């Protein structure tokens, strides 16, 4: 999957969030989107995954040299963000089965092993509304990174994670490949040292 932007800009009311971002993002790259809170990281991600339209400029998505219609993008991507809704009425097992009815699980991992990998043993029949914030975030990250996808977007991935959760995330990230990966954060340990970076303050 390749994403191209040309002079991409976004404004809310009279304030420009970012301006004139022209980039090419290619398959199997990891891109860190960097900047403090309010710098436009989440807004840029939402434009890149097709949820939000830019104020000006263009964005195109292509797969195998064929342009992908924005309405079909959801078939190729996964997302994990602290503000992303889970279905509170579902149990953990129901949430997993629902998600993987739309996405193929990576490496054919079993449901039991998936739950174990997320440190969620014993919570199989617990409703999501009763999960702690850390359990919710591990579940979001697990669903995104254990799914087969051409592109994955992670927004502030270690929000609500304790030290064990942060170490688990970094190990999972090290094992994730074969996709275009975006990580929006202001925490250096959230992304690999050798990855490409986009600094939002360069586009003001």
N, C-alpha and C. Protein backbone atom coordinates (compact mmCIF):
# COMPACT_ATOMS: atom_id res chain seq x y z
N UNK A 1 0.85 -1.19 0.00
CA UNK A 1 0.00 0.00 0.00
C UNK A 1 0.89 1.24 0.00
N UNK A 2 0.55 2.21 -0.84
CA UNK A 2 1.28 3.48 -0.92
C UNK A 2 0.30 4.62 -0.70
N UNK A 3 0.69 5.58 0.12
CA UNK A 3 -0.09 6.79 0.33
C UNK A 3 0.73 7.97 -0.15
N UNK A 4 0.12 8.81 -0.98
CA UNK A 4 0.78 10.03 -1.45
C UNK A 4 -0.04 11.25 -1.03
N UNK A 5 0.64 12.25 -0.52
CA UNK A 5 -0.02 13.53 -0.21
C UNK A 5 0.67 14.65 -0.98
N UNK A 6 -0.12 15.61 -1.42
CA UNK A 6 0.41 16.77 -2.13
C UNK A 6 -0.17 18.04 -1.52
N UNK A 7 0.71 18.82 -0.91
CA UNK A 7 0.29 20.10 -0.31
C UNK A 7 -0.89 19.93 0.64
N UNK A 8 -0.90 18.84 1.36
CA UNK A 8 -2.01 18.51 2.25
C UNK A 8 -2.07 19.51 3.41
N UNK A 9 -3.24 20.08 3.64
CA UNK A 9 -3.40 21.10 4.68
C UNK A 9 -4.76 20.93 5.35
N UNK A 10 -4.80 21.29 6.64
CA UNK A 10 -6.06 21.21 7.38
C UNK A 10 -6.20 22.43 8.27
N UNK A 11 -7.40 23.02 8.22
CA UNK A 11 -7.72 24.20 9.02
C UNK A 11 -9.02 23.97 9.75
N UNK A 12 -9.07 24.38 11.02
CA UNK A 12 -10.31 24.42 11.79
C UNK A 12 -10.63 25.87 12.06
N UNK A 13 -11.80 26.31 11.56
CA UNK A 13 -12.17 27.73 11.62
C UNK A 13 -11.07 28.54 10.92
N UNK A 14 -10.41 29.45 11.63
CA UNK A 14 -9.38 30.27 10.99
C UNK A 14 -7.97 29.80 11.31
N UNK A 15 -7.86 28.70 12.05
CA UNK A 15 -6.54 28.25 12.49
C UNK A 15 -6.07 27.05 11.68
N UNK A 16 -4.88 27.17 11.09
CA UNK A 16 -4.29 26.07 10.36
C UNK A 16 -3.67 25.08 11.33
N UNK A 17 -4.07 23.82 11.23
CA UNK A 17 -3.48 22.77 12.06
C UNK A 17 -2.12 22.37 11.48
N UNK A 18 -2.08 22.17 10.18
CA UNK A 18 -0.82 21.96 9.46
C UNK A 18 -1.04 22.37 8.01
N UNK A 19 0.07 22.65 7.30
CA UNK A 19 -0.02 23.13 5.93
C UNK A 19 1.06 22.49 5.06
N UNK A 20 0.66 22.20 3.82
CA UNK A 20 1.61 21.88 2.75
C UNK A 20 2.47 20.65 3.04
N UNK A 21 1.81 19.57 3.45
CA UNK A 21 2.52 18.32 3.69
C UNK A 21 2.50 17.48 2.41
N UNK A 22 3.66 17.33 1.81
CA UNK A 22 3.79 16.52 0.59
C UNK A 22 4.74 15.37 0.88
N UNK A 23 4.21 14.15 0.92
CA UNK A 23 5.00 12.99 1.29
C UNK A 23 4.52 11.77 0.52
N UNK A 24 5.40 10.77 0.44
CA UNK A 24 5.05 9.45 -0.09
C UNK A 24 5.38 8.42 0.97
N UNK A 25 4.39 7.65 1.38
CA UNK A 25 4.56 6.61 2.39
C UNK A 25 4.39 5.25 1.71
N UNK A 26 5.35 4.38 1.86
CA UNK A 26 5.35 3.12 1.12
C UNK A 26 5.22 1.91 2.03
N UNK A 27 4.86 0.80 1.44
CA UNK A 27 4.64 -0.44 2.17
C UNK A 27 5.85 -0.82 3.02
N UNK A 28 5.55 -1.32 4.23
CA UNK A 28 6.54 -1.83 5.17
C UNK A 28 7.42 -0.74 5.79
N UNK A 29 7.04 0.52 5.61
CA UNK A 29 7.69 1.60 6.35
C UNK A 29 7.04 1.75 7.72
N UNK A 30 7.83 2.22 8.69
CA UNK A 30 7.27 2.69 9.95
C UNK A 30 7.51 4.18 10.04
N UNK A 31 6.44 4.93 10.26
CA UNK A 31 6.49 6.39 10.28
C UNK A 31 6.06 6.87 11.66
N UNK A 32 6.90 7.63 12.32
CA UNK A 32 6.53 8.26 13.59
C UNK A 32 6.07 9.68 13.33
N UNK A 33 4.84 9.99 13.71
CA UNK A 33 4.28 11.34 13.59
C UNK A 33 4.48 12.01 14.95
N UNK A 34 5.33 13.04 15.01
CA UNK A 34 5.78 13.58 16.27
C UNK A 34 5.29 15.00 16.50
N UNK A 35 5.07 15.32 17.77
CA UNK A 35 4.67 16.67 18.13
C UNK A 35 3.90 16.66 19.43
N UNK A 36 3.86 17.79 20.13
CA UNK A 36 3.14 17.87 21.40
C UNK A 36 1.64 17.78 21.20
N UNK A 37 0.91 17.65 22.29
CA UNK A 37 -0.55 17.64 22.23
C UNK A 37 -1.04 18.90 21.53
N UNK A 38 -2.01 18.72 20.64
CA UNK A 38 -2.57 19.86 19.91
C UNK A 38 -1.82 20.23 18.65
N UNK A 39 -0.79 19.47 18.30
CA UNK A 39 0.02 19.82 17.12
C UNK A 39 -0.56 19.29 15.82
N UNK A 40 -1.62 18.47 15.88
CA UNK A 40 -2.26 17.98 14.67
C UNK A 40 -1.96 16.54 14.33
N UNK A 41 -1.31 15.81 15.23
CA UNK A 41 -0.97 14.41 14.94
C UNK A 41 -2.21 13.57 14.67
N UNK A 42 -3.18 13.63 15.56
CA UNK A 42 -4.39 12.81 15.40
C UNK A 42 -5.18 13.23 14.16
N UNK A 43 -5.22 14.53 13.90
CA UNK A 43 -5.92 15.01 12.71
C UNK A 43 -5.29 14.47 11.45
N UNK A 44 -3.96 14.49 11.39
CA UNK A 44 -3.27 13.93 10.22
C UNK A 44 -3.58 12.45 10.07
N UNK A 45 -3.53 11.68 11.15
CA UNK A 45 -3.85 10.26 11.04
C UNK A 45 -5.25 10.05 10.50
N UNK A 46 -6.21 10.83 10.99
CA UNK A 46 -7.60 10.68 10.56
C UNK A 46 -7.77 10.99 9.08
N UNK A 47 -6.97 11.91 8.56
CA UNK A 47 -6.98 12.17 7.11
C UNK A 47 -6.34 11.01 6.37
N UNK A 48 -5.23 10.50 6.90
CA UNK A 48 -4.53 9.39 6.24
C UNK A 48 -5.37 8.12 6.20
N UNK A 49 -6.23 7.90 7.22
CA UNK A 49 -7.06 6.69 7.16
C UNK A 49 -8.44 6.96 6.56
N UNK A 50 -8.67 8.19 6.08
CA UNK A 50 -9.87 8.47 5.30
C UNK A 50 -11.08 8.92 6.07
N UNK A 51 -10.95 9.18 7.36
CA UNK A 51 -12.09 9.61 8.17
C UNK A 51 -12.38 11.10 8.02
N UNK A 52 -11.33 11.90 7.87
CA UNK A 52 -11.44 13.35 7.81
C UNK A 52 -10.92 13.84 6.47
N UNK A 53 -11.56 14.85 5.89
CA UNK A 53 -11.11 15.38 4.61
C UNK A 53 -10.20 16.59 4.85
N UNK A 54 -9.18 16.77 4.03
CA UNK A 54 -8.31 17.94 4.18
C UNK A 54 -9.01 19.21 3.73
N UNK A 55 -8.52 20.35 4.20
CA UNK A 55 -9.04 21.64 3.73
C UNK A 55 -8.55 21.92 2.32
N UNK A 56 -7.32 21.56 2.04
CA UNK A 56 -6.75 21.72 0.70
C UNK A 56 -5.67 20.67 0.49
N UNK A 57 -5.25 20.55 -0.76
CA UNK A 57 -4.30 19.51 -1.10
C UNK A 57 -4.99 18.21 -1.43
N UNK A 58 -4.19 17.19 -1.77
CA UNK A 58 -4.76 15.90 -2.19
C UNK A 58 -4.09 14.76 -1.46
N UNK A 59 -4.81 13.66 -1.38
CA UNK A 59 -4.27 12.42 -0.84
C UNK A 59 -4.80 11.27 -1.69
N UNK A 60 -3.91 10.34 -2.03
CA UNK A 60 -4.31 9.16 -2.80
C UNK A 60 -3.72 7.92 -2.15
N UNK A 61 -4.45 6.82 -2.28
CA UNK A 61 -4.04 5.52 -1.77
C UNK A 61 -3.96 4.57 -2.95
N UNK A 62 -2.92 3.74 -3.01
CA UNK A 62 -2.81 2.79 -4.12
C UNK A 62 -2.29 1.46 -3.61
N UNK A 63 -2.74 0.41 -4.26
CA UNK A 63 -2.34 -0.95 -3.93
C UNK A 63 -2.10 -1.69 -5.23
N UNK A 64 -0.90 -2.25 -5.36
CA UNK A 64 -0.51 -2.95 -6.60
C UNK A 64 -0.73 -2.06 -7.82
N UNK A 65 -0.34 -0.79 -7.68
CA UNK A 65 -0.40 0.22 -8.74
C UNK A 65 -1.82 0.58 -9.15
N UNK A 66 -2.81 0.18 -8.35
CA UNK A 66 -4.19 0.54 -8.61
C UNK A 66 -4.69 1.46 -7.49
N UNK A 67 -5.32 2.58 -7.86
CA UNK A 67 -5.81 3.51 -6.86
C UNK A 67 -6.95 2.87 -6.06
N UNK A 68 -6.94 3.08 -4.76
CA UNK A 68 -7.96 2.53 -3.86
C UNK A 68 -8.98 3.62 -3.56
N UNK A 69 -10.26 3.28 -3.74
CA UNK A 69 -11.33 4.22 -3.41
C UNK A 69 -11.38 4.42 -1.89
N UNK A 70 -11.52 5.67 -1.42
CA UNK A 70 -11.57 5.91 0.03
C UNK A 70 -12.64 5.10 0.75
N UNK A 71 -13.74 4.78 0.07
CA UNK A 71 -14.80 4.01 0.71
C UNK A 71 -14.40 2.55 0.93
N UNK A 72 -13.32 2.12 0.29
CA UNK A 72 -12.85 0.74 0.42
C UNK A 72 -11.63 0.61 1.34
N UNK A 73 -11.18 1.73 1.86
CA UNK A 73 -9.95 1.71 2.67
C UNK A 73 -10.06 0.83 3.90
N UNK A 74 -11.25 0.79 4.52
CA UNK A 74 -11.42 0.04 5.76
C UNK A 74 -11.03 -1.43 5.62
N UNK A 75 -11.07 -1.95 4.40
CA UNK A 75 -10.72 -3.34 4.18
C UNK A 75 -9.23 -3.60 4.39
N UNK A 76 -8.43 -2.54 4.33
CA UNK A 76 -6.98 -2.70 4.31
C UNK A 76 -6.27 -2.19 5.56
N UNK A 77 -7.00 -1.63 6.51
CA UNK A 77 -6.31 -0.97 7.62
C UNK A 77 -6.88 -1.38 8.98
N UNK A 78 -6.06 -1.15 10.01
CA UNK A 78 -6.48 -1.28 11.40
C UNK A 78 -6.02 -0.04 12.16
N UNK A 79 -6.73 0.24 13.27
CA UNK A 79 -6.50 1.46 14.04
C UNK A 79 -6.53 1.12 15.51
N UNK A 80 -5.64 1.76 16.29
CA UNK A 80 -5.72 1.69 17.74
C UNK A 80 -5.46 3.09 18.29
N UNK A 81 -6.41 3.61 19.04
CA UNK A 81 -6.30 4.95 19.63
C UNK A 81 -7.08 4.97 20.94
N UNK A 82 -6.62 5.75 21.92
CA UNK A 82 -7.31 5.78 23.22
C UNK A 82 -8.77 6.20 23.14
N UNK A 83 -9.11 7.01 22.12
CA UNK A 83 -10.48 7.49 21.96
C UNK A 83 -11.33 6.54 21.10
N UNK A 84 -10.73 5.46 20.65
CA UNK A 84 -11.45 4.48 19.80
C UNK A 84 -12.43 3.68 20.65
N UNK A 85 -13.66 3.61 20.18
CA UNK A 85 -14.70 2.91 20.93
C UNK A 85 -14.54 1.39 20.80
N UNK A 86 -14.73 0.72 21.92
CA UNK A 86 -14.99 -0.72 21.94
C UNK A 86 -16.47 -0.89 22.26
N UNK A 87 -16.99 -2.08 22.13
CA UNK A 87 -18.43 -2.28 22.36
C UNK A 87 -18.62 -2.72 23.80
N UNK A 88 -19.03 -1.79 24.64
CA UNK A 88 -19.09 -2.03 26.09
C UNK A 88 -19.98 -3.20 26.46
N UNK A 89 -21.02 -3.45 25.68
CA UNK A 89 -21.97 -4.52 26.01
C UNK A 89 -21.41 -5.91 25.71
N UNK A 90 -20.35 -5.97 24.91
CA UNK A 90 -19.75 -7.26 24.55
C UNK A 90 -18.86 -7.77 25.68
N UNK A 91 -18.79 -9.09 25.79
CA UNK A 91 -17.73 -9.70 26.58
C UNK A 91 -16.45 -9.68 25.75
N UNK A 92 -15.33 -10.01 26.38
CA UNK A 92 -14.07 -10.06 25.64
C UNK A 92 -14.18 -11.03 24.47
N UNK A 93 -14.73 -12.23 24.71
CA UNK A 93 -14.85 -13.20 23.63
C UNK A 93 -15.72 -12.67 22.50
N UNK A 94 -16.81 -12.00 22.84
CA UNK A 94 -17.68 -11.45 21.80
C UNK A 94 -16.98 -10.35 21.01
N UNK A 95 -16.20 -9.51 21.69
CA UNK A 95 -15.47 -8.44 20.99
C UNK A 95 -14.44 -9.03 20.03
N UNK A 96 -13.74 -10.06 20.49
CA UNK A 96 -12.74 -10.70 19.64
C UNK A 96 -13.40 -11.35 18.42
N UNK A 97 -14.47 -12.11 18.64
CA UNK A 97 -15.14 -12.77 17.53
C UNK A 97 -15.72 -11.77 16.55
N UNK A 98 -16.26 -10.67 17.07
CA UNK A 98 -16.82 -9.63 16.20
C UNK A 98 -15.72 -9.03 15.33
N UNK A 99 -14.61 -8.64 15.96
CA UNK A 99 -13.52 -8.01 15.21
C UNK A 99 -12.98 -8.94 14.13
N UNK A 100 -12.73 -10.19 14.50
CA UNK A 100 -12.10 -11.11 13.55
C UNK A 100 -13.11 -11.74 12.59
N UNK A 101 -14.35 -11.32 12.65
CA UNK A 101 -15.28 -11.67 11.58
C UNK A 101 -15.07 -10.74 10.38
N UNK A 102 -14.36 -9.61 10.60
CA UNK A 102 -14.05 -8.66 9.52
C UNK A 102 -12.58 -8.68 9.12
N UNK A 103 -11.71 -9.03 10.05
CA UNK A 103 -10.28 -9.05 9.80
C UNK A 103 -9.74 -10.46 10.03
N UNK A 104 -8.72 -10.83 9.26
CA UNK A 104 -8.08 -12.14 9.45
C UNK A 104 -7.00 -12.01 10.52
N UNK A 105 -6.97 -12.94 11.45
CA UNK A 105 -5.99 -12.88 12.52
C UNK A 105 -4.62 -13.31 12.00
N UNK A 106 -3.58 -12.63 12.43
CA UNK A 106 -2.22 -12.86 11.95
C UNK A 106 -1.73 -14.25 12.35
N UNK A 107 -1.10 -14.92 11.39
CA UNK A 107 -0.47 -16.22 11.62
C UNK A 107 -1.43 -17.29 12.12
N UNK A 108 -2.74 -17.09 11.96
CA UNK A 108 -3.71 -18.08 12.39
C UNK A 108 -3.68 -18.36 13.87
N UNK A 109 -3.28 -17.38 14.68
CA UNK A 109 -3.18 -17.57 16.12
C UNK A 109 -4.56 -17.93 16.69
N UNK A 110 -4.58 -18.80 17.68
CA UNK A 110 -5.85 -19.20 18.28
C UNK A 110 -6.40 -18.10 19.17
N UNK A 111 -7.70 -18.17 19.41
CA UNK A 111 -8.34 -17.19 20.29
C UNK A 111 -7.74 -17.26 21.69
N UNK A 112 -7.47 -18.47 22.16
CA UNK A 112 -6.89 -18.66 23.49
C UNK A 112 -5.51 -18.02 23.58
N UNK A 113 -4.68 -18.24 22.56
CA UNK A 113 -3.34 -17.67 22.58
C UNK A 113 -3.36 -16.16 22.42
N UNK A 114 -4.33 -15.65 21.67
CA UNK A 114 -4.48 -14.20 21.53
C UNK A 114 -4.78 -13.58 22.89
N UNK A 115 -5.71 -14.16 23.63
CA UNK A 115 -6.08 -13.64 24.94
C UNK A 115 -4.89 -13.71 25.90
N UNK A 116 -4.15 -14.80 25.84
CA UNK A 116 -2.98 -14.95 26.69
C UNK A 116 -1.92 -13.91 26.35
N UNK A 117 -1.73 -13.64 25.07
CA UNK A 117 -0.72 -12.67 24.64
C UNK A 117 -1.03 -11.27 25.14
N UNK A 118 -2.30 -10.99 25.39
CA UNK A 118 -2.72 -9.67 25.88
C UNK A 118 -2.84 -9.61 27.39
N UNK A 119 -2.43 -10.67 28.10
CA UNK A 119 -2.55 -10.76 29.55
C UNK A 119 -4.01 -10.58 30.00
N UNK A 120 -4.93 -11.20 29.27
CA UNK A 120 -6.34 -11.05 29.60
C UNK A 120 -6.99 -12.38 29.98
N UNK A 121 -6.17 -13.36 30.39
CA UNK A 121 -6.74 -14.63 30.84
C UNK A 121 -7.64 -14.38 32.05
N UNK A 122 -8.76 -15.07 32.06
CA UNK A 122 -9.73 -14.92 33.15
C UNK A 122 -10.78 -13.86 32.90
N UNK A 123 -10.58 -13.06 31.84
CA UNK A 123 -11.54 -11.99 31.53
C UNK A 123 -12.39 -12.34 30.31
N UNK A 124 -12.36 -13.60 29.90
CA UNK A 124 -13.04 -13.99 28.65
C UNK A 124 -14.52 -13.63 28.64
N UNK A 125 -15.20 -13.78 29.78
CA UNK A 125 -16.65 -13.53 29.83
C UNK A 125 -16.98 -12.23 30.56
N UNK A 126 -15.96 -11.43 30.77
CA UNK A 126 -16.15 -10.12 31.41
C UNK A 126 -16.57 -9.11 30.35
N UNK A 127 -17.55 -8.26 30.68
CA UNK A 127 -17.99 -7.25 29.72
C UNK A 127 -16.95 -6.15 29.61
N UNK A 128 -16.81 -5.62 28.40
CA UNK A 128 -15.80 -4.59 28.14
C UNK A 128 -16.02 -3.36 29.02
N UNK A 129 -17.26 -3.06 29.36
CA UNK A 129 -17.54 -1.90 30.20
C UNK A 129 -16.89 -2.02 31.58
N UNK A 130 -16.54 -3.22 31.98
CA UNK A 130 -15.90 -3.44 33.29
C UNK A 130 -14.39 -3.59 33.20
N UNK A 131 -13.83 -3.36 32.03
CA UNK A 131 -12.38 -3.42 31.85
C UNK A 131 -11.74 -2.14 32.39
N UNK A 132 -10.53 -2.26 32.92
CA UNK A 132 -9.76 -1.08 33.28
C UNK A 132 -9.29 -0.38 32.01
N UNK A 133 -8.80 0.85 32.15
CA UNK A 133 -8.32 1.59 30.99
C UNK A 133 -7.11 0.88 30.36
N UNK A 134 -6.26 0.26 31.18
CA UNK A 134 -5.12 -0.47 30.64
C UNK A 134 -5.54 -1.71 29.87
N UNK A 135 -6.53 -2.44 30.37
CA UNK A 135 -7.05 -3.62 29.66
C UNK A 135 -7.64 -3.21 28.32
N UNK A 136 -8.37 -2.11 28.32
CA UNK A 136 -8.97 -1.63 27.06
C UNK A 136 -7.88 -1.29 26.04
N UNK A 137 -6.83 -0.61 26.51
CA UNK A 137 -5.79 -0.21 25.57
C UNK A 137 -5.02 -1.40 25.04
N UNK A 138 -4.73 -2.40 25.87
CA UNK A 138 -4.08 -3.61 25.38
C UNK A 138 -4.96 -4.31 24.35
N UNK A 139 -6.25 -4.33 24.59
CA UNK A 139 -7.17 -4.96 23.64
C UNK A 139 -7.17 -4.20 22.32
N UNK A 140 -7.23 -2.87 22.37
CA UNK A 140 -7.20 -2.09 21.12
C UNK A 140 -5.92 -2.39 20.33
N UNK A 141 -4.79 -2.35 21.03
CA UNK A 141 -3.52 -2.59 20.35
C UNK A 141 -3.43 -4.02 19.82
N UNK A 142 -3.90 -4.99 20.60
CA UNK A 142 -3.87 -6.37 20.15
C UNK A 142 -4.72 -6.59 18.92
N UNK A 143 -5.92 -6.03 18.91
CA UNK A 143 -6.81 -6.19 17.75
C UNK A 143 -6.17 -5.57 16.50
N UNK A 144 -5.51 -4.44 16.67
CA UNK A 144 -4.89 -3.77 15.51
C UNK A 144 -3.66 -4.51 15.01
N UNK A 145 -2.78 -4.92 15.92
CA UNK A 145 -1.49 -5.47 15.51
C UNK A 145 -1.51 -6.96 15.25
N UNK A 146 -2.52 -7.67 15.77
CA UNK A 146 -2.65 -9.10 15.47
C UNK A 146 -3.57 -9.35 14.27
N UNK A 147 -4.05 -8.30 13.64
CA UNK A 147 -4.85 -8.44 12.43
C UNK A 147 -3.96 -8.34 11.21
N UNK A 148 -4.28 -9.12 10.18
CA UNK A 148 -3.63 -8.94 8.89
C UNK A 148 -4.12 -7.62 8.30
N UNK A 149 -3.19 -6.72 7.94
CA UNK A 149 -3.58 -5.41 7.42
C UNK A 149 -2.45 -4.86 6.56
N UNK A 150 -2.81 -4.06 5.58
CA UNK A 150 -1.80 -3.37 4.77
C UNK A 150 -1.26 -2.14 5.49
N UNK A 151 -2.12 -1.49 6.30
CA UNK A 151 -1.73 -0.29 7.02
C UNK A 151 -2.28 -0.38 8.44
N UNK A 152 -1.48 0.06 9.41
CA UNK A 152 -1.95 0.17 10.79
C UNK A 152 -1.59 1.55 11.33
N UNK A 153 -2.57 2.16 12.03
CA UNK A 153 -2.39 3.47 12.63
C UNK A 153 -2.48 3.33 14.14
N UNK A 154 -1.46 3.80 14.84
CA UNK A 154 -1.44 3.80 16.30
C UNK A 154 -1.34 5.24 16.78
N UNK A 155 -2.31 5.67 17.56
CA UNK A 155 -2.31 7.04 18.09
C UNK A 155 -2.06 6.97 19.60
N UNK A 156 -0.95 7.56 20.06
CA UNK A 156 -0.56 7.55 21.47
C UNK A 156 -0.70 6.13 22.05
N UNK A 157 0.05 5.17 21.51
CA UNK A 157 -0.19 3.75 21.83
C UNK A 157 -0.01 3.36 23.29
N UNK A 158 0.86 4.04 24.03
CA UNK A 158 1.10 3.61 25.41
C UNK A 158 0.25 4.37 26.44
N UNK A 159 -0.72 5.15 25.97
CA UNK A 159 -1.66 5.80 26.89
C UNK A 159 -2.35 4.74 27.74
N UNK A 160 -2.37 4.94 29.05
CA UNK A 160 -3.04 4.07 30.03
C UNK A 160 -2.31 2.75 30.27
N UNK A 161 -1.13 2.56 29.71
CA UNK A 161 -0.39 1.33 29.95
C UNK A 161 0.61 1.52 31.09
N UNK A 162 0.69 0.53 31.96
CA UNK A 162 1.70 0.56 33.02
C UNK A 162 3.03 0.07 32.45
N UNK A 163 4.04 -0.11 33.31
CA UNK A 163 5.37 -0.49 32.83
C UNK A 163 5.32 -1.83 32.10
N UNK A 164 4.61 -2.81 32.66
CA UNK A 164 4.51 -4.11 31.98
C UNK A 164 3.82 -3.96 30.64
N UNK A 165 2.76 -3.16 30.61
CA UNK A 165 2.04 -2.94 29.36
C UNK A 165 2.91 -2.25 28.32
N UNK A 166 3.71 -1.29 28.75
CA UNK A 166 4.61 -0.61 27.82
C UNK A 166 5.65 -1.55 27.25
N UNK A 167 6.21 -2.42 28.08
CA UNK A 167 7.18 -3.41 27.60
C UNK A 167 6.54 -4.39 26.64
N UNK A 168 5.31 -4.81 26.97
CA UNK A 168 4.56 -5.71 26.08
C UNK A 168 4.33 -5.06 24.72
N UNK A 169 3.94 -3.78 24.72
CA UNK A 169 3.70 -3.07 23.46
C UNK A 169 4.97 -3.01 22.62
N UNK A 170 6.10 -2.69 23.23
CA UNK A 170 7.34 -2.56 22.46
C UNK A 170 7.78 -3.91 21.89
N UNK A 171 7.56 -4.99 22.62
CA UNK A 171 7.87 -6.31 22.08
C UNK A 171 6.95 -6.66 20.92
N UNK A 172 5.68 -6.37 21.07
CA UNK A 172 4.72 -6.63 19.99
C UNK A 172 5.07 -5.81 18.76
N UNK A 173 5.47 -4.55 18.97
CA UNK A 173 5.85 -3.70 17.86
C UNK A 173 7.05 -4.27 17.11
N UNK A 174 8.02 -4.80 17.86
CA UNK A 174 9.22 -5.37 17.24
C UNK A 174 8.89 -6.59 16.38
N UNK A 175 7.78 -7.25 16.68
CA UNK A 175 7.38 -8.46 15.94
C UNK A 175 6.44 -8.15 14.80
N UNK A 176 6.09 -6.88 14.62
CA UNK A 176 5.12 -6.48 13.60
C UNK A 176 5.86 -6.03 12.34
N UNK A 177 5.51 -6.64 11.21
CA UNK A 177 6.14 -6.26 9.95
C UNK A 177 5.14 -6.45 8.82
N UNK A 178 5.61 -6.32 7.61
CA UNK A 178 4.78 -6.54 6.40
C UNK A 178 3.57 -5.61 6.35
N UNK A 179 3.73 -4.39 6.82
CA UNK A 179 2.66 -3.41 6.72
C UNK A 179 3.24 -2.01 6.81
N UNK A 180 2.49 -1.04 6.34
CA UNK A 180 2.81 0.37 6.53
C UNK A 180 2.25 0.77 7.89
N UNK A 181 3.13 1.25 8.77
CA UNK A 181 2.76 1.51 10.16
C UNK A 181 3.00 2.97 10.51
N UNK A 182 1.95 3.63 11.02
CA UNK A 182 2.04 5.00 11.49
C UNK A 182 1.87 5.01 13.01
N UNK A 183 2.74 5.76 13.70
CA UNK A 183 2.67 5.89 15.15
C UNK A 183 2.70 7.37 15.49
N UNK A 184 1.60 7.89 16.00
CA UNK A 184 1.54 9.29 16.42
C UNK A 184 1.78 9.37 17.92
N UNK A 185 2.77 10.15 18.34
CA UNK A 185 3.14 10.15 19.75
C UNK A 185 4.04 11.34 20.05
N UNK A 186 4.21 11.65 21.34
CA UNK A 186 5.27 12.55 21.76
C UNK A 186 6.20 11.84 22.75
N UNK A 187 6.15 10.48 22.73
CA UNK A 187 6.97 9.66 23.62
C UNK A 187 7.99 8.87 22.79
N UNK A 188 9.29 9.15 22.92
CA UNK A 188 10.29 8.49 22.07
C UNK A 188 10.28 6.98 22.13
N UNK A 189 9.95 6.40 23.26
CA UNK A 189 10.00 4.93 23.36
C UNK A 189 8.83 4.26 22.65
N UNK A 190 7.90 5.03 22.10
CA UNK A 190 6.73 4.46 21.41
C UNK A 190 7.05 3.99 20.00
N UNK A 191 8.22 4.39 19.46
CA UNK A 191 8.53 4.06 18.07
C UNK A 191 9.99 3.63 17.94
N UNK A 192 10.32 2.83 16.91
CA UNK A 192 11.71 2.37 16.74
C UNK A 192 12.65 3.54 16.46
N UNK A 193 13.87 3.43 16.95
CA UNK A 193 14.84 4.52 16.79
C UNK A 193 15.17 4.81 15.33
N UNK A 194 15.15 3.77 14.49
CA UNK A 194 15.60 3.95 13.11
C UNK A 194 14.46 4.23 12.14
N UNK A 195 13.27 4.52 12.63
CA UNK A 195 12.14 4.73 11.72
C UNK A 195 12.14 6.18 11.19
N UNK A 196 11.41 6.38 10.14
CA UNK A 196 11.25 7.71 9.55
C UNK A 196 10.34 8.56 10.44
N UNK A 197 10.64 9.84 10.53
CA UNK A 197 9.83 10.72 11.38
C UNK A 197 9.25 11.88 10.58
N UNK A 198 8.03 12.27 10.97
CA UNK A 198 7.37 13.47 10.45
C UNK A 198 7.11 14.37 11.65
N UNK A 199 7.67 15.55 11.66
CA UNK A 199 7.50 16.47 12.78
C UNK A 199 6.47 17.54 12.39
N UNK A 200 5.37 17.58 13.15
CA UNK A 200 4.26 18.43 12.79
C UNK A 200 4.62 19.91 12.79
N UNK A 201 5.60 20.31 13.61
CA UNK A 201 5.96 21.73 13.65
C UNK A 201 6.67 22.18 12.38
N UNK A 202 7.04 21.25 11.49
CA UNK A 202 7.65 21.62 10.21
C UNK A 202 6.58 22.01 9.19
N UNK A 203 5.32 21.84 9.54
CA UNK A 203 4.23 22.09 8.58
C UNK A 203 3.23 23.12 9.13
N UNK A 204 3.75 24.12 9.78
CA UNK A 204 2.90 25.19 10.34
C UNK A 204 2.94 26.42 9.46
